[in-house]
C-alpha atoms as a PDB file:
ATOM      1  CA  UNK A   1     -19.367  -4.166 -10.707  1.00  0.00           C
ATOM      2  CA  UNK A   2     -18.045  -1.657  -8.250  1.00  0.00           C
ATOM      3  CA  UNK A   3     -20.310  -2.565  -5.403  1.00  0.00           C
ATOM      4  CA  UNK A   4     -19.572  -6.231  -5.710  1.00  0.00           C
ATOM      5  CA  UNK A   5     -15.949  -5.762  -5.999  1.00  0.00           C
ATOM      6  CA  UNK A   6     -15.794  -3.748  -2.733  1.00  0.00           C
ATOM      7  CA  UNK A   7     -18.126  -6.300  -0.899  1.00  0.00           C
ATOM      8  CA  UNK A   8     -15.549  -8.854  -1.963  1.00  0.00           C
ATOM      9  CA  UNK A   9     -12.412  -7.165  -1.091  1.00  0.00           C
ATOM     10  CA  UNK A  10     -14.159  -6.041   2.158  1.00  0.00           C
ATOM     11  CA  UNK A  11     -15.027  -9.793   2.848  1.00  0.00           C
ATOM     12  CA  UNK A  12     -11.553 -10.902   2.496  1.00  0.00           C
ATOM     13  CA  UNK A  13      -9.839  -8.415   4.489  1.00  0.00           C
ATOM     14  CA  UNK A  14     -12.220  -8.694   7.413  1.00  0.00           C
ATOM     15  CA  UNK A  15     -11.611 -12.416   7.273  1.00  0.00           C
ATOM     16  CA  UNK A  16      -9.349 -14.357   9.781  1.00  0.00           C
ATOM     17  CA  UNK A  17      -7.512 -16.071   6.970  1.00  0.00           C
ATOM     18  CA  UNK A  18      -6.515 -12.980   5.604  1.00  0.00           C
ATOM     19  CA  UNK A  19      -5.092 -12.014   8.879  1.00  0.00           C
ATOM     20  CA  UNK A  20      -3.196 -15.283   8.974  1.00  0.00           C
ATOM     21  CA  UNK A  21      -1.771 -14.956   5.762  1.00  0.00           C
ATOM     22  CA  UNK A  22      -0.463 -11.168   6.643  1.00  0.00           C
ATOM     23  CA  UNK A  23       1.259 -12.579   9.911  1.00  0.00           C
ATOM     24  CA  UNK A  24       2.923 -15.252   7.561  1.00  0.00           C
ATOM     25  CA  UNK A  25       4.052 -12.925   4.933  1.00  0.00           C
ATOM     26  CA  UNK A  26       5.788 -10.802   7.675  1.00  0.00           C
ATOM     27  CA  UNK A  27       6.988 -13.622   9.645  1.00  0.00           C
ATOM     28  CA  UNK A  28       8.200 -16.123   6.873  1.00  0.00           C
ATOM     29  CA  UNK A  29      10.826 -13.623   5.103  1.00  0.00           C
ATOM     30  CA  UNK A  30      12.561 -13.040   8.875  1.00  0.00           C
ATOM     31  CA  UNK A  31      12.737 -16.448   9.603  1.00  0.00           C
ATOM     32  CA  UNK A  32      14.190 -17.374   6.117  1.00  0.00           C
ATOM     33  CA  UNK A  33      17.053 -14.700   6.706  1.00  0.00           C
ATOM     34  CA  UNK A  34      17.566 -15.850  10.312  1.00  0.00           C
ATOM     35  CA  UNK A  35      17.956 -19.306   8.942  1.00  0.00           C
ATOM     36  CA  UNK A  36      20.710 -18.032   6.310  1.00  0.00           C
ATOM     37  CA  UNK A  37      22.279 -16.100   9.372  1.00  0.00           C
ATOM     38  CA  UNK A  38      22.443 -19.346  11.726  1.00  0.00           C
ATOM     39  CA  UNK A  39      24.101 -21.248   8.529  1.00  0.00           C
ATOM     40  CA  UNK A  40      26.604 -18.153   8.107  1.00  0.00           C
ATOM     41  CA  UNK A  41      27.651 -18.351  11.836  1.00  0.00           C
ATOM     42  CA  UNK A  42      27.643 -22.062  11.549  1.00  0.00           C
ATOM     43  CA  UNK A  43      29.894 -22.460   8.593  1.00  0.00           C
ATOM     44  CA  UNK A  44      31.712 -19.308   8.511  1.00  0.00           C
ATOM     45  CA  UNK A  45      32.242 -16.892   5.643  1.00  0.00           C
ATOM     46  CA  UNK A  46      34.571 -18.302   2.777  1.00  0.00           C
ATOM     47  CA  UNK A  47      34.623 -21.506   0.529  1.00  0.00           C
ATOM     48  CA  UNK A  48      32.225 -23.330   2.680  1.00  0.00           C
ATOM     49  CA  UNK A  49      29.277 -21.181   1.982  1.00  0.00           C
ATOM     50  CA  UNK A  50      30.213 -20.606  -1.645  1.00  0.00           C
ATOM     51  CA  UNK A  51      30.393 -24.462  -2.404  1.00  0.00           C
ATOM     52  CA  UNK A  52      27.222 -24.991  -0.427  1.00  0.00           C
ATOM     53  CA  UNK A  53      25.282 -22.202  -2.250  1.00  0.00           C
ATOM     54  CA  UNK A  54      27.142 -21.493  -5.303  1.00  0.00           C
ATOM     55  CA  UNK A  55      27.442 -17.743  -3.995  1.00  0.00           C
ATOM     56  CA  UNK A  56      28.312 -15.834  -0.928  1.00  0.00           C
ATOM     57  CA  UNK A  57      25.140 -15.196   1.010  1.00  0.00           C
ATOM     58  CA  UNK A  58      23.601 -11.845   0.569  1.00  0.00           C
ATOM     59  CA  UNK A  59      20.177 -10.071   0.279  1.00  0.00           C
ATOM     60  CA  UNK A  60      20.072 -10.615  -3.084  1.00  0.00           C
ATOM     61  CA  UNK A  61      20.669 -14.396  -3.318  1.00  0.00           C
ATOM     62  CA  UNK A  62      18.112 -14.763  -0.302  1.00  0.00           C
ATOM     63  CA  UNK A  63      15.361 -12.679  -2.002  1.00  0.00           C
ATOM     64  CA  UNK A  64      16.172 -14.014  -5.240  1.00  0.00           C
ATOM     65  CA  UNK A  65      13.482 -16.774  -4.972  1.00  0.00           C
ATOM     66  CA  UNK A  66      10.977 -14.894  -2.957  1.00  0.00           C
ATOM     67  CA  UNK A  67       8.450 -15.019  -5.875  1.00  0.00           C
ATOM     68  CA  UNK A  68       8.423 -18.760  -6.393  1.00  0.00           C
ATOM     69  CA  UNK A  69       5.309 -20.523  -6.529  1.00  0.00           C
ATOM     70  CA  UNK A  70       6.832 -23.754  -4.932  1.00  0.00           C
ATOM     71  CA  UNK A  71       7.945 -21.818  -1.864  1.00  0.00           C
ATOM     72  CA  UNK A  72       6.253 -22.011   1.316  1.00  0.00           C
ATOM     73  CA  UNK A  73       4.821 -18.649   0.784  1.00  0.00           C
ATOM     74  CA  UNK A  74       3.682 -19.382  -2.691  1.00  0.00           C
ATOM     75  CA  UNK A  75       1.946 -22.516  -2.200  1.00  0.00           C
ATOM     76  CA  UNK A  76       0.442 -21.042   1.275  1.00  0.00           C
ATOM     77  CA  UNK A  77      -1.084 -18.103  -0.693  1.00  0.00           C
ATOM     78  CA  UNK A  78      -2.342 -20.377  -3.646  1.00  0.00           C
ATOM     79  CA  UNK A  79      -4.333 -22.259  -0.843  1.00  0.00           C
ATOM     80  CA  UNK A  80      -5.369 -19.537   0.880  1.00  0.00           C
ATOM     81  CA  UNK A  81      -6.557 -17.580  -2.217  1.00  0.00           C
ATOM     82  CA  UNK A  82      -8.373 -20.707  -3.530  1.00  0.00           C
ATOM     83  CA  UNK A  83     -10.155 -21.432  -0.164  1.00  0.00           C
ATOM     84  CA  UNK A  84     -11.696 -18.018   0.150  1.00  0.00           C
ATOM     85  CA  UNK A  85     -13.153 -18.021  -3.241  1.00  0.00           C
ATOM     86  CA  UNK A  86     -14.254 -21.514  -2.503  1.00  0.00           C
ATOM     87  CA  UNK A  87     -16.119 -20.407   0.517  1.00  0.00           C
ATOM     88  CA  UNK A  88     -18.203 -18.152  -1.632  1.00  0.00           C
ATOM     89  CA  UNK A  89     -19.507 -21.489  -3.015  1.00  0.00           C
ATOM     90  CA  UNK A  90     -19.792 -23.586  -0.524  1.00  0.00           C
ATOM     91  CA  UNK A  91     -21.685 -21.295   2.199  1.00  0.00           C
ATOM     92  CA  UNK A  92     -24.493 -20.037  -0.340  1.00  0.00           C
ATOM     93  CA  UNK A  93     -23.246 -16.601  -0.821  1.00  0.00           C
ATOM     94  CA  UNK A  94     -22.297 -17.345  -4.588  1.00  0.00           C
ATOM     95  CA  UNK A  95     -26.126 -18.505  -5.114  1.00  0.00           C
ATOM     96  CA  UNK A  96     -27.418 -15.315  -3.176  1.00  0.00           C
ATOM     97  CA  UNK A  97     -25.704 -12.932  -5.560  1.00  0.00           C
ATOM     98  CA  UNK A  98     -26.924 -14.896  -8.513  1.00  0.00           C
ATOM     99  CA  UNK A  99     -30.457 -14.780  -7.267  1.00  0.00           C
ATOM    100  CA  UNK A 100     -30.154 -11.002  -6.537  1.00  0.00           C
ATOM    101  CA  UNK A 101     -29.510 -10.610 -10.452  1.00  0.00           C
ATOM    102  CA  UNK A 102     -25.739 -10.541 -10.440  1.00  0.00           C
ATOM    103  CA  UNK A 103     -24.444 -11.825 -13.599  1.00  0.00           C
ATOM    104  CA  UNK A 104     -21.901 -14.558 -13.728  1.00  0.00           C
ATOM    105  CA  UNK A 105     -19.608 -12.692 -15.542  1.00  0.00           C
ATOM    106  CA  UNK A 106     -19.561  -9.742 -12.993  1.00  0.00           C
ATOM    107  CA  UNK A 107     -19.311 -12.354  -9.960  1.00  0.00           C
ATOM    108  CA  UNK A 108     -16.187 -13.965 -11.755  1.00  0.00           C
ATOM    109  CA  UNK A 109     -14.312 -11.097 -12.801  1.00  0.00           C
ATOM    110  CA  UNK A 110     -14.961  -9.392  -9.147  1.00  0.00           C
ATOM    111  CA  UNK A 111     -13.385 -12.688  -7.854  1.00  0.00           C
ATOM    112  CA  UNK A 112     -10.539 -12.561 -10.307  1.00  0.00           C
ATOM    113  CA  UNK A 113      -9.668  -8.676  -9.640  1.00  0.00           C
ATOM    114  CA  UNK A 114     -10.167  -9.301  -5.836  1.00  0.00           C
ATOM    115  CA  UNK A 115      -7.970 -12.179  -5.581  1.00  0.00           C
ATOM    116  CA  UNK A 116      -5.267 -10.798  -8.105  1.00  0.00           C
ATOM    117  CA  UNK A 117      -4.924  -7.860  -5.830  1.00  0.00           C
ATOM    118  CA  UNK A 118      -4.588  -9.266  -2.521  1.00  0.00           C
ATOM    119  CA  UNK A 119      -2.080 -11.877  -4.066  1.00  0.00           C
ATOM    120  CA  UNK A 120      -0.289  -9.181  -5.331  1.00  0.00           C
ATOM    121  CA  UNK A 121      -0.122  -7.275  -2.375  1.00  0.00           C
ATOM    122  CA  UNK A 122       0.776  -9.918  -0.055  1.00  0.00           C
ATOM    123  CA  UNK A 123       3.789 -11.192  -2.209  1.00  0.00           C
ATOM    124  CA  UNK A 124       4.826  -7.805  -2.897  1.00  0.00           C
ATOM    125  CA  UNK A 125       4.994  -7.165   1.088  1.00  0.00           C
ATOM    126  CA  UNK A 126       6.789 -10.906   1.268  1.00  0.00           C
ATOM    127  CA  UNK A 127       9.399  -9.955  -1.038  1.00  0.00           C
ATOM    128  CA  UNK A 128      10.225  -6.403   0.224  1.00  0.00           C
ATOM    129  CA  UNK A 129      10.603  -7.668   3.688  1.00  0.00           C
ATOM    130  CA  UNK A 130      12.742 -10.385   2.871  1.00  0.00           C
ATOM    131  CA  UNK A 131      15.166  -8.232   0.674  1.00  0.00           C
ATOM    132  CA  UNK A 132      15.170  -5.264   3.062  1.00  0.00           C
ATOM    133  CA  UNK A 133      15.881  -7.480   6.294  1.00  0.00           C
ATOM    134  CA  UNK A 134      18.466  -9.587   4.177  1.00  0.00           C
ATOM    135  CA  UNK A 135      20.334  -5.985   3.411  1.00  0.00           C
ATOM    136  CA  UNK A 136      20.428  -5.648   7.301  1.00  0.00           C
ATOM    137  CA  UNK A 137      21.878  -8.549   7.739  1.00  0.00           C
ATOM    138  CA  UNK A 138      24.056  -9.562   5.075  1.00  0.00           C
ATOM    139  CA  UNK A 139      24.119  -6.488   2.940  1.00  0.00           C
ATOM    140  CA  UNK A 140      22.869  -6.539  -0.721  1.00  0.00           C
ATOM    141  CA  UNK A 141      25.668  -8.321  -2.213  1.00  0.00           C
ATOM    142  CA  UNK A 142      26.652  -5.904  -5.211  1.00  0.00           C
ATOM    143  CA  UNK A 143      26.891  -2.451  -6.084  1.00  0.00           C
ATOM    144  CA  UNK A 144      23.150  -0.764  -6.410  1.00  0.00           C
ATOM    145  CA  UNK A 145      23.752   1.061  -9.556  1.00  0.00           C
ATOM    146  CA  UNK A 146      21.119   2.239 -12.337  1.00  0.00           C
ATOM    147  CA  UNK A 147      21.222  -0.977 -14.036  1.00  0.00           C
ATOM    148  CA  UNK A 148      20.989  -2.885 -10.708  1.00  0.00           C
ATOM    149  CA  UNK A 149      17.639  -0.876  -9.681  1.00  0.00           C
ATOM    150  CA  UNK A 150      16.119  -1.951 -13.151  1.00  0.00           C
ATOM    151  CA  UNK A 151      16.827  -5.477 -12.462  1.00  0.00           C
ATOM    152  CA  UNK A 152      15.067  -4.784  -8.787  1.00  0.00           C
ATOM    153  CA  UNK A 153      11.991  -3.362 -10.582  1.00  0.00           C
ATOM    154  CA  UNK A 154      11.928  -6.101 -12.961  1.00  0.00           C
ATOM    155  CA  UNK A 155      12.196  -8.373 -10.288  1.00  0.00           C
ATOM    156  CA  UNK A 156       9.181  -7.123  -8.157  1.00  0.00           C
ATOM    157  CA  UNK A 157       7.114  -6.554 -11.215  1.00  0.00           C
ATOM    158  CA  UNK A 158       7.190  -9.968 -12.697  1.00  0.00           C
ATOM    159  CA  UNK A 159       7.014 -11.668  -9.210  1.00  0.00           C
ATOM    160  CA  UNK A 160       3.705  -9.549  -8.859  1.00  0.00           C
ATOM    161  CA  UNK A 161       2.524 -10.660 -12.167  1.00  0.00           C
ATOM    162  CA  UNK A 162       3.229 -14.434 -11.476  1.00  0.00           C
ATOM    163  CA  UNK A 163       0.690 -14.289  -8.399  1.00  0.00           C
ATOM    164  CA  UNK A 164      -1.654 -12.344 -10.850  1.00  0.00           C
ATOM    165  CA  UNK A 165      -1.347 -15.456 -13.070  1.00  0.00           C
ATOM    166  CA  UNK A 166      -1.722 -17.473 -10.131  1.00  0.00           C
ATOM    167  CA  UNK A 167      -5.263 -15.818  -8.912  1.00  0.00           C
ATOM    168  CA  UNK A 168      -6.549 -16.365 -12.104  1.00  0.00           C
ATOM    169  CA  UNK A 169      -5.796 -20.323 -11.810  1.00  0.00           C
ATOM    170  CA  UNK A 170      -7.487 -20.321  -8.394  1.00  0.00           C
ATOM    171  CA  UNK A 171     -10.164 -18.449  -9.544  1.00  0.00           C
ATOM    172  CA  UNK A 172     -10.766 -20.549 -12.315  1.00  0.00           C
ATOM    173  CA  UNK A 173     -10.798 -23.790 -10.118  1.00  0.00           C
ATOM    174  CA  UNK A 174     -12.708 -22.340  -7.220  1.00  0.00           C
ATOM    175  CA  UNK A 175     -15.370 -21.195  -9.462  1.00  0.00           C
ATOM    176  CA  UNK A 176     -15.644 -24.249 -11.592  1.00  0.00           C
ATOM    177  CA  UNK A 177     -15.478 -27.152  -9.207  1.00  0.00           C
ATOM    178  CA  UNK A 178     -18.186 -27.817  -6.452  1.00  0.00           C
ATOM    179  CA  UNK A 179     -15.705 -28.629  -3.688  1.00  0.00           C
ATOM    180  CA  UNK A 180     -12.908 -26.642  -2.378  1.00  0.00           C
ATOM    181  CA  UNK A 181     -10.742 -29.631  -1.639  1.00  0.00           C
ATOM    182  CA  UNK A 182     -10.326 -30.494  -5.474  1.00  0.00           C
ATOM    183  CA  UNK A 183      -9.902 -26.653  -6.218  1.00  0.00           C
ATOM    184  CA  UNK A 184      -7.039 -26.385  -3.769  1.00  0.00           C
ATOM    185  CA  UNK A 185      -5.220 -29.378  -5.575  1.00  0.00           C
ATOM    186  CA  UNK A 186      -5.496 -28.486  -8.771  1.00  0.00           C
ATOM    187  CA  UNK A 187      -4.731 -24.922  -8.052  1.00  0.00           C
ATOM    188  CA  UNK A 188      -1.351 -26.263  -6.159  1.00  0.00           C
ATOM    189  CA  UNK A 189      -0.636 -28.790  -8.793  1.00  0.00           C
ATOM    190  CA  UNK A 190      -0.687 -26.400 -11.578  1.00  0.00           C
ATOM    191  CA  UNK A 191       1.890 -23.982  -9.653  1.00  0.00           C
ATOM    192  CA  UNK A 192       4.096 -27.001  -8.763  1.00  0.00           C
ATOM    193  CA  UNK A 193       4.100 -28.105 -12.317  1.00  0.00           C
ATOM    194  CA  UNK A 194       5.120 -24.647 -13.816  1.00  0.00           C
ATOM    195  CA  UNK A 195       7.861 -24.309 -11.316  1.00  0.00           C
ATOM    196  CA  UNK A 196       9.011 -28.073 -12.280  1.00  0.00           C
ATOM    197  CA  UNK A 197       9.007 -27.405 -15.859  1.00  0.00           C
ATOM    198  CA  UNK A 198      10.915 -23.943 -15.128  1.00  0.00           C
ATOM    199  CA  UNK A 199      13.285 -25.622 -13.255  1.00  0.00           C
ATOM    200  CA  UNK A 200      14.084 -28.439 -15.436  1.00  0.00           C
ATOM    201  CA  UNK A 201      14.805 -25.995 -18.320  1.00  0.00           C
ATOM    202  CA  UNK A 202      17.146 -23.816 -15.799  1.00  0.00           C
ATOM    203  CA  UNK A 203      18.833 -27.115 -14.591  1.00  0.00           C
ATOM    204  CA  UNK A 204      19.682 -28.271 -18.396  1.00  0.00           C
ATOM    205  CA  UNK A 205      20.694 -24.678 -18.942  1.00  0.00           C
ATOM    206  CA  UNK A 206      18.366 -24.877 -22.011  1.00  0.00           C
ATOM    207  CA  UNK A 207      17.970 -21.159 -21.966  1.00  0.00           C
ATOM    208  CA  UNK A 208      21.144 -19.953 -22.255  1.00  0.00           C
ATOM    209  CA  UNK A 209      20.605 -18.405 -25.726  1.00  0.00           C
ATOM    210  CA  UNK A 210      16.970 -18.928 -26.119  1.00  0.00           C
ATOM    211  CA  UNK A 211      14.927 -16.122 -24.466  1.00  0.00           C
ATOM    212  CA  UNK A 212      11.670 -17.230 -25.875  1.00  0.00           C
ATOM    213  CA  UNK A 213      11.436 -19.841 -23.407  1.00  0.00           C
ATOM    214  CA  UNK A 214      10.739 -16.839 -21.171  1.00  0.00           C
ATOM    215  CA  UNK A 215       7.043 -17.193 -22.664  1.00  0.00           C
ATOM    216  CA  UNK A 216       6.880 -20.089 -20.052  1.00  0.00           C
ATOM    217  CA  UNK A 217       4.707 -18.845 -16.990  1.00  0.00           C
ATOM    218  CA  UNK A 218       6.980 -18.366 -13.850  1.00  0.00           C
ATOM    219  CA  UNK A 219      10.079 -18.824 -15.920  1.00  0.00           C
ATOM    220  CA  UNK A 220      10.913 -15.111 -15.224  1.00  0.00           C
ATOM    221  CA  UNK A 221       9.256 -14.772 -11.861  1.00  0.00           C
ATOM    222  CA  UNK A 222      12.367 -13.186 -10.009  1.00  0.00           C
ATOM    223  CA  UNK A 223      15.160 -15.799 -10.021  1.00  0.00           C
ATOM    224  CA  UNK A 224      16.822 -13.288 -12.446  1.00  0.00           C
ATOM    225  CA  UNK A 225      17.713 -11.128  -9.655  1.00  0.00           C
ATOM    226  CA  UNK A 226      20.045 -13.667  -7.973  1.00  0.00           C
ATOM    227  CA  UNK A 227      21.244 -14.616 -11.612  1.00  0.00           C
ATOM    228  CA  UNK A 228      21.758 -10.922 -12.610  1.00  0.00           C
ATOM    229  CA  UNK A 229      21.004 -11.898 -16.156  1.00  0.00           C
ATOM    230  CA  UNK A 230      17.602 -10.054 -16.595  1.00  0.00           C
ATOM    231  CA  UNK A 231      17.114  -7.852 -19.475  1.00  0.00           C
ATOM    232  CA  UNK A 232      14.314  -5.808 -21.001  1.00  0.00           C
ATOM    233  CA  UNK A 233      13.097  -8.418 -23.595  1.00  0.00           C
ATOM    234  CA  UNK A 234      13.034 -11.528 -21.119  1.00  0.00           C
ATOM    235  CA  UNK A 235      10.683  -9.124 -19.000  1.00  0.00           C
ATOM    236  CA  UNK A 236       8.528  -8.319 -21.808  1.00  0.00           C
ATOM    237  CA  UNK A 237       8.211 -11.766 -22.900  1.00  0.00           C
ATOM    238  CA  UNK A 238       7.558 -12.873 -19.388  1.00  0.00           C
ATOM    239  CA  UNK A 239       5.023 -10.303 -18.807  1.00  0.00           C
ATOM    240  CA  UNK A 240       3.475 -11.295 -22.251  1.00  0.00           C
ATOM    241  CA  UNK A 241       3.088 -15.010 -21.092  1.00  0.00           C
ATOM    242  CA  UNK A 242       1.218 -13.986 -17.922  1.00  0.00           C
ATOM    243  CA  UNK A 243      -1.083 -11.728 -19.920  1.00  0.00           C
ATOM    244  CA  UNK A 244      -2.050 -14.177 -22.590  1.00  0.00           C
ATOM    245  CA  UNK A 245      -2.216 -17.492 -20.743  1.00  0.00           C
ATOM    246  CA  UNK A 246      -4.042 -15.590 -18.047  1.00  0.00           C
ATOM    247  CA  UNK A 247      -6.594 -14.549 -20.378  1.00  0.00           C
ATOM    248  CA  UNK A 248      -7.001 -17.960 -21.947  1.00  0.00           C
ATOM    249  CA  UNK A 249      -7.386 -19.457 -18.119  1.00  0.00           C
ATOM    250  CA  UNK A 250      -9.860 -16.809 -17.438  1.00  0.00           C
ATOM    251  CA  UNK A 251     -11.847 -17.459 -20.740  1.00  0.00           C
ATOM    252  CA  UNK A 252     -12.093 -21.258 -19.885  1.00  0.00           C
ATOM    253  CA  UNK A 253     -12.904 -20.762 -16.378  1.00  0.00           C
ATOM    254  CA  UNK A 254     -15.501 -18.138 -17.135  1.00  0.00           C
ATOM    255  CA  UNK A 255     -16.956 -20.196 -19.711  1.00  0.00           C
ATOM    256  CA  UNK A 256     -17.161 -23.395 -17.343  1.00  0.00           C
ATOM    257  CA  UNK A 257     -18.611 -21.067 -14.555  1.00  0.00           C
ATOM    258  CA  UNK A 258     -21.522 -19.664 -16.920  1.00  0.00           C
ATOM    259  CA  UNK A 259     -22.695 -23.379 -17.519  1.00  0.00           C
ATOM    260  CA  UNK A 260     -22.217 -24.592 -13.963  1.00  0.00           C
ATOM    261  CA  UNK A 261     -25.029 -25.673 -11.989  1.00  0.00           C
ATOM    262  CA  UNK A 262     -24.990 -23.422  -8.736  1.00  0.00           C
ATOM    263  CA  UNK A 263     -27.023 -24.941  -5.534  1.00  0.00           C
END
């Protein structure tokens, strides 16, 4: 599968869509921070900003939602990954791989690993630019001690795992559905649906003393950086949710793909 994986990675990296995704991932965080900077200049620093955001503007607050699947970059990346995998189906490349003797299992896992690497790398780049540029414009917001460094690591790791999981969903839909458009719609709706569930849980403050809700995918995807309430148990349960449900999605997607009539 090594050669197949290299070929899939090379195809994505050489595509114009990948270049567009990199540009967006570099520009969006800068524009986001500049937007907050404009708000800061318009409102001034004080009670107005605190009442608007519930907290003073700082890099910690701005970067806290960087890994949200319902954010601009989260949605764009989900669409981007689904289209790139779907193109392998629509342009006949998938059929050629099967004719060449590649097993469907190796094809599926090659796409899964490729999409996971690309998704994780782009979102990590996006979050780091937002965090660093936010620090440059506003400062971090709290003292960076040992405990805070651990929170930052948790934030980055769970955020990347969020989009590893998202890549497993995109891969399953892209290789199971014959057309790209439905695959994109299903992938986006899945991400937005999970984000909506997470938002409802946070809104009703259900999880204040129930850490098992961290087993909901995307619940621990980085918003804990701004809340400052992240801990080792939440981190472990969050990673477990991504691994278990990602494995289930992969098993289901692979079984459908094995039975699919590839034309």
